[in-house]
Amino acid sequence: MALPKRKISKSRGRKRRTHQRLTLANLSTCPQCNEPKLPHHVCPNCGYYKGRAVIETEEV
């Protein structure tokens, strides 16, 4: 089984891991209720998608 000849330095390992990070979800605002929502998804707050009601939600 192959083994590394030398220990990988901290900087070299960290350079490799720079792209392994979490990214925040891109949020857009709902045109009906102005709440943040995922793009191309039904608004969980008001239930509207593309200007029409898709899901029945409780009004609080």
PDB file of N, CA and C in Angstrom:
ATOM      1  N   MET A   1       0.841  -1.179   0.000  1.00  0.00           N
ATOM      2  CA  MET A   1       0.000   0.000   0.000  1.00  0.00           C
ATOM      3  C   MET A   1       0.886   1.241   0.000  1.00  0.00           C
ATOM      4  N   ALA A   2       0.537   2.220  -0.814  1.00  0.00           N
ATOM      5  CA  ALA A   2       1.367   3.416  -0.952  1.00  0.00           C
ATOM      6  C   ALA A   2       1.219   4.326   0.251  1.00  0.00           C
ATOM      7  N   LEU A   3       2.338   4.876   0.683  1.00  0.00           N
ATOM      8  CA  LEU A   3       2.351   5.827   1.799  1.00  0.00           C
ATOM      9  C   LEU A   3       3.044   7.098   1.352  1.00  0.00           C
ATOM     10  N   PRO A   4       2.664   8.240   1.940  1.00  0.00           N
ATOM     11  CA  PRO A   4       3.344   9.473   1.576  1.00  0.00           C
ATOM     12  C   PRO A   4       4.798   9.456   2.060  1.00  0.00           C
ATOM     13  N   LYS A   5       5.686   9.980   1.241  1.00  0.00           N
ATOM     14  CA  LYS A   5       7.106  10.000   1.594  1.00  0.00           C
ATOM     15  C   LYS A   5       7.390  11.033   2.670  1.00  0.00           C
ATOM     16  N   ARG A   6       6.696  12.162   2.616  1.00  0.00           N
ATOM     17  CA  ARG A   6       6.903  13.235   3.594  1.00  0.00           C
ATOM     18  C   ARG A   6       5.560  13.672   4.174  1.00  0.00           C
ATOM     19  N   LYS A   7       5.612  14.260   5.363  1.00  0.00           N
ATOM     20  CA  LYS A   7       4.408  14.806   5.989  1.00  0.00           C
ATOM     21  C   LYS A   7       3.935  16.016   5.186  1.00  0.00           C
ATOM     22  N   ILE A   8       2.638  16.101   4.953  1.00  0.00           N
ATOM     23  CA  ILE A   8       2.086  17.257   4.241  1.00  0.00           C
ATOM     24  C   ILE A   8       2.037  18.425   5.224  1.00  0.00           C
ATOM     25  N   SER A   9       2.600  19.562   4.815  1.00  0.00           N
ATOM     26  CA  SER A   9       2.662  20.723   5.708  1.00  0.00           C
ATOM     27  C   SER A   9       1.265  21.283   5.964  1.00  0.00           C
ATOM     28  N   LYS A  10       1.139  22.063   7.045  1.00  0.00           N
ATOM     29  CA  LYS A  10      -0.155  22.662   7.407  1.00  0.00           C
ATOM     30  C   LYS A  10      -0.647  23.595   6.318  1.00  0.00           C
ATOM     31  N   SER A  11       0.250  24.380   5.759  1.00  0.00           N
ATOM     32  CA  SER A  11      -0.182  25.347   4.741  1.00  0.00           C
ATOM     33  C   SER A  11      -0.655  24.638   3.473  1.00  0.00           C
ATOM     34  N   ARG A  12       0.012  23.550   3.117  1.00  0.00           N
ATOM     35  CA  ARG A  12      -0.389  22.824   1.907  1.00  0.00           C
ATOM     36  C   ARG A  12      -1.758  22.159   2.100  1.00  0.00           C
ATOM     37  N   GLY A  13      -1.982  21.579   3.265  1.00  0.00           N
ATOM     38  CA  GLY A  13      -3.274  20.962   3.540  1.00  0.00           C
ATOM     39  C   GLY A  13      -4.386  21.986   3.627  1.00  0.00           C
ATOM     40  N   ARG A  14      -4.098  23.135   4.216  1.00  0.00           N
ATOM     41  CA  ARG A  14      -5.113  24.196   4.336  1.00  0.00           C
ATOM     42  C   ARG A  14      -5.431  24.822   2.987  1.00  0.00           C
ATOM     43  N   LYS A  15      -4.436  24.919   2.105  1.00  0.00           N
ATOM     44  CA  LYS A  15      -4.688  25.430   0.756  1.00  0.00           C
ATOM     45  C   LYS A  15      -5.648  24.512   0.005  1.00  0.00           C
ATOM     46  N   ARG A  16      -5.521  23.216   0.228  1.00  0.00           N
ATOM     47  CA  ARG A  16      -6.394  22.262  -0.440  1.00  0.00           C
ATOM     48  C   ARG A  16      -7.825  22.368   0.101  1.00  0.00           C
ATOM     49  N   ARG A  17      -7.951  22.695   1.381  1.00  0.00           N
ATOM     50  CA  ARG A  17      -9.273  22.732   2.015  1.00  0.00           C
ATOM     51  C   ARG A  17      -9.978  24.083   1.934  1.00  0.00           C
ATOM     52  N   THR A  18      -9.429  25.050   1.222  1.00  0.00           N
ATOM     53  CA  THR A  18     -10.046  26.377   1.189  1.00  0.00           C
ATOM     54  C   THR A  18     -11.421  26.365   0.540  1.00  0.00           C
ATOM     55  N   HIS A  19     -11.696  25.396  -0.319  1.00  0.00           N
ATOM     56  CA  HIS A  19     -12.974  25.362  -1.030  1.00  0.00           C
ATOM     57  C   HIS A  19     -14.019  24.520  -0.318  1.00  0.00           C
ATOM     58  N   GLN A  20     -13.666  23.898   0.789  1.00  0.00           N
ATOM     59  CA  GLN A  20     -14.611  23.037   1.502  1.00  0.00           C
ATOM     60  C   GLN A  20     -15.306  23.825   2.597  1.00  0.00           C
ATOM     61  N   ARG A  21     -16.126  24.778   2.214  1.00  0.00           N
ATOM     62  CA  ARG A  21     -16.831  25.591   3.200  1.00  0.00           C
ATOM     63  C   ARG A  21     -18.319  25.613   2.874  1.00  0.00           C
ATOM     64  N   LEU A  22     -19.102  25.930   3.865  1.00  0.00           N
ATOM     65  CA  LEU A  22     -20.537  26.028   3.665  1.00  0.00           C
ATOM     66  C   LEU A  22     -20.864  27.359   3.000  1.00  0.00           C
ATOM     67  N   THR A  23     -21.833  27.355   2.126  1.00  0.00           N
ATOM     68  CA  THR A  23     -22.276  28.591   1.488  1.00  0.00           C
ATOM     69  C   THR A  23     -23.693  28.907   1.964  1.00  0.00           C
ATOM     70  N   LEU A  24     -23.978  30.171   2.112  1.00  0.00           N
ATOM     71  CA  LEU A  24     -25.303  30.593   2.526  1.00  0.00           C
ATOM     72  C   LEU A  24     -26.281  30.443   1.368  1.00  0.00           C
ATOM     73  N   ALA A  25     -27.514  30.138   1.691  1.00  0.00           N
ATOM     74  CA  ALA A  25     -28.545  30.008   0.670  1.00  0.00           C
ATOM     75  C   ALA A  25     -28.880  31.381   0.106  1.00  0.00           C
ATOM     76  N   ASN A  26     -29.048  31.457  -1.215  1.00  0.00           N
ATOM     77  CA  ASN A  26     -29.447  32.706  -1.850  1.00  0.00           C
ATOM     78  C   ASN A  26     -30.940  32.899  -1.626  1.00  0.00           C
ATOM     79  N   LEU A  27     -31.298  33.973  -0.957  1.00  0.00           N
ATOM     80  CA  LEU A  27     -32.697  34.239  -0.662  1.00  0.00           C
ATOM     81  C   LEU A  27     -33.188  35.400  -1.504  1.00  0.00           C
ATOM     82  N   SER A  28     -34.437  35.315  -1.930  1.00  0.00           N
ATOM     83  CA  SER A  28     -35.093  36.426  -2.617  1.00  0.00           C
ATOM     84  C   SER A  28     -36.320  36.805  -1.797  1.00  0.00           C
ATOM     85  N   THR A  29     -36.874  37.964  -2.059  1.00  0.00           N
ATOM     86  CA  THR A  29     -38.044  38.399  -1.305  1.00  0.00           C
ATOM     87  C   THR A  29     -39.312  38.033  -2.066  1.00  0.00           C
ATOM     88  N   CYS A  30     -40.318  37.650  -1.324  1.00  0.00           N
ATOM     89  CA  CYS A  30     -41.617  37.315  -1.907  1.00  0.00           C
ATOM     90  C   CYS A  30     -42.307  38.611  -2.334  1.00  0.00           C
ATOM     91  N   PRO A  31     -42.829  38.683  -3.550  1.00  0.00           N
ATOM     92  CA  PRO A  31     -43.502  39.916  -3.975  1.00  0.00           C
ATOM     93  C   PRO A  31     -44.831  40.156  -3.254  1.00  0.00           C
ATOM     94  N   GLN A  32     -45.420  39.117  -2.671  1.00  0.00           N
ATOM     95  CA  GLN A  32     -46.704  39.267  -1.980  1.00  0.00           C
ATOM     96  C   GLN A  32     -46.523  39.791  -0.560  1.00  0.00           C
ATOM     97  N   CYS A  33     -45.645  39.110   0.224  1.00  0.00           N
ATOM     98  CA  CYS A  33     -45.537  39.437   1.652  1.00  0.00           C
ATOM     99  C   CYS A  33     -44.177  40.010   2.028  1.00  0.00           C
ATOM    100  N   ASN A  34     -43.240  40.112   1.081  1.00  0.00           N
ATOM    101  CA  ASN A  34     -41.901  40.668   1.295  1.00  0.00           C
ATOM    102  C   ASN A  34     -41.093  39.900   2.336  1.00  0.00           C
ATOM    103  N   GLU A  35     -41.381  38.610   2.495  1.00  0.00           N
ATOM    104  CA  GLU A  35     -40.596  37.756   3.387  1.00  0.00           C
ATOM    105  C   GLU A  35     -39.499  37.068   2.570  1.00  0.00           C
ATOM    106  N   PRO A  36     -38.361  36.748   3.181  1.00  0.00           N
ATOM    107  CA  PRO A  36     -37.327  36.028   2.428  1.00  0.00           C
ATOM    108  C   PRO A  36     -37.759  34.598   2.119  1.00  0.00           C
ATOM    109  N   LYS A  37     -37.460  34.133   0.900  1.00  0.00           N
ATOM    110  CA  LYS A  37     -37.800  32.784   0.475  1.00  0.00           C
ATOM    111  C   LYS A  37     -36.746  32.305  -0.506  1.00  0.00           C
ATOM    112  N   LEU A  38     -36.701  30.994  -0.730  1.00  0.00           N
ATOM    113  CA  LEU A  38     -35.795  30.439  -1.724  1.00  0.00           C
ATOM    114  C   LEU A  38     -36.329  30.744  -3.116  1.00  0.00           C
ATOM    115  N   PRO A  39     -35.460  31.084  -4.068  1.00  0.00           N
ATOM    116  CA  PRO A  39     -35.940  31.349  -5.416  1.00  0.00           C
ATOM    117  C   PRO A  39     -36.508  30.085  -6.067  1.00  0.00           C
ATOM    118  N   HIS A  40     -37.530  30.232  -6.878  1.00  0.00           N
ATOM    119  CA  HIS A  40     -38.221  29.149  -7.587  1.00  0.00           C
ATOM    120  C   HIS A  40     -38.902  28.179  -6.622  1.00  0.00           C
ATOM    121  N   HIS A  41     -39.287  28.651  -5.451  1.00  0.00           N
ATOM    122  CA  HIS A  41     -40.014  27.847  -4.478  1.00  0.00           C
ATOM    123  C   HIS A  41     -41.258  28.611  -4.031  1.00  0.00           C
ATOM    124  N   VAL A  42     -42.232  27.893  -3.535  1.00  0.00           N
ATOM    125  CA  VAL A  42     -43.432  28.509  -2.981  1.00  0.00           C
ATOM    126  C   VAL A  42     -43.046  29.212  -1.686  1.00  0.00           C
ATOM    127  N   CYS A  43     -43.594  30.389  -1.455  1.00  0.00           N
ATOM    128  CA  CYS A  43     -43.313  31.127  -0.224  1.00  0.00           C
ATOM    129  C   CYS A  43     -43.924  30.378   0.956  1.00  0.00           C
ATOM    130  N   PRO A  44     -43.117  30.016   1.970  1.00  0.00           N
ATOM    131  CA  PRO A  44     -43.678  29.281   3.110  1.00  0.00           C
ATOM    132  C   PRO A  44     -44.562  30.142   3.998  1.00  0.00           C
ATOM    133  N   ASN A  45     -44.435  31.462   3.864  1.00  0.00           N
ATOM    134  CA  ASN A  45     -45.209  32.362   4.713  1.00  0.00           C
ATOM    135  C   ASN A  45     -46.625  32.578   4.167  1.00  0.00           C
ATOM    136  N   CYS A  46     -46.744  32.929   2.879  1.00  0.00           N
ATOM    137  CA  CYS A  46     -48.060  33.250   2.326  1.00  0.00           C
ATOM    138  C   CYS A  46     -48.592  32.179   1.376  1.00  0.00           C
ATOM    139  N   GLY A  47     -47.737  31.282   0.865  1.00  0.00           N
ATOM    140  CA  GLY A  47     -48.192  30.206  -0.009  1.00  0.00           C
ATOM    141  C   GLY A  47     -48.344  30.597  -1.462  1.00  0.00           C
ATOM    142  N   TYR A  48     -47.785  31.725  -1.884  1.00  0.00           N
ATOM    143  CA  TYR A  48     -47.900  32.178  -3.265  1.00  0.00           C
ATOM    144  C   TYR A  48     -46.674  31.780  -4.072  1.00  0.00           C
ATOM    145  N   TYR A  49     -46.888  31.506  -5.362  1.00  0.00           N
ATOM    146  CA  TYR A  49     -45.810  31.253  -6.304  1.00  0.00           C
ATOM    147  C   TYR A  49     -46.207  31.847  -7.640  1.00  0.00           C
ATOM    148  N   LYS A  50     -45.372  32.716  -8.167  1.00  0.00           N
ATOM    149  CA  LYS A  50     -45.615  33.403  -9.444  1.00  0.00           C
ATOM    150  C   LYS A  50     -46.964  34.111  -9.466  1.00  0.00           C
ATOM    151  N   GLY A  51     -47.313  34.761  -8.369  1.00  0.00           N
ATOM    152  CA  GLY A  51     -48.504  35.592  -8.335  1.00  0.00           C
ATOM    153  C   GLY A  51     -49.808  34.886  -8.070  1.00  0.00           C
ATOM    154  N   ARG A  52     -49.793  33.581  -7.833  1.00  0.00           N
ATOM    155  CA  ARG A  52     -51.048  32.904  -7.540  1.00  0.00           C
ATOM    156  C   ARG A  52     -50.887  32.007  -6.316  1.00  0.00           C
ATOM    157  N   ALA A  53     -51.995  31.802  -5.619  1.00  0.00           N
ATOM    158  CA  ALA A  53     -51.982  31.016  -4.387  1.00  0.00           C
ATOM    159  C   ALA A  53     -51.848  29.539  -4.756  1.00  0.00           C
ATOM    160  N   VAL A  54     -50.864  28.882  -4.168  1.00  0.00           N
ATOM    161  CA  VAL A  54     -50.617  27.472  -4.438  1.00  0.00           C
ATOM    162  C   VAL A  54     -50.913  26.633  -3.201  1.00  0.00           C
ATOM    163  N   ILE A  55     -50.587  27.142  -2.029  1.00  0.00           N
ATOM    164  CA  ILE A  55     -50.773  26.427  -0.776  1.00  0.00           C
ATOM    165  C   ILE A  55     -51.686  27.255   0.120  1.00  0.00           C
ATOM    166  N   GLU A  56     -52.617  26.582   0.754  1.00  0.00           N
ATOM    167  CA  GLU A  56     -53.474  27.252   1.743  1.00  0.00           C
ATOM    168  C   GLU A  56     -52.688  27.403   3.042  1.00  0.00           C
ATOM    169  N   THR A  57     -52.582  28.621   3.555  1.00  0.00           N
ATOM    170  CA  THR A  57     -51.868  28.864   4.818  1.00  0.00           C
ATOM    171  C   THR A  57     -52.809  29.552   5.791  1.00  0.00           C
ATOM    172  N   GLU A  58     -52.497  29.369   7.073  1.00  0.00           N
ATOM    173  CA  GLU A  58     -53.286  30.026   8.124  1.00  0.00           C
ATOM    174  C   GLU A  58     -52.865  31.491   8.234  1.00  0.00           C
ATOM    175  N   GLU A  59     -53.806  32.372   8.321  1.00  0.00           N
ATOM    176  CA  GLU A  59     -53.516  33.781   8.571  1.00  0.00           C
ATOM    177  C   GLU A  59     -53.475  34.002  10.063  1.00  0.00           C
ATOM    178  N   VAL A  60     -52.379  34.523  10.576  1.00  0.00           N
ATOM    179  CA  VAL A  60     -52.219  34.734  12.012  1.00  0.00           C
ATOM    180  C   VAL A  60     -52.583  36.142  12.386  1.00  0.00           C
TER     181      VAL A  60
END
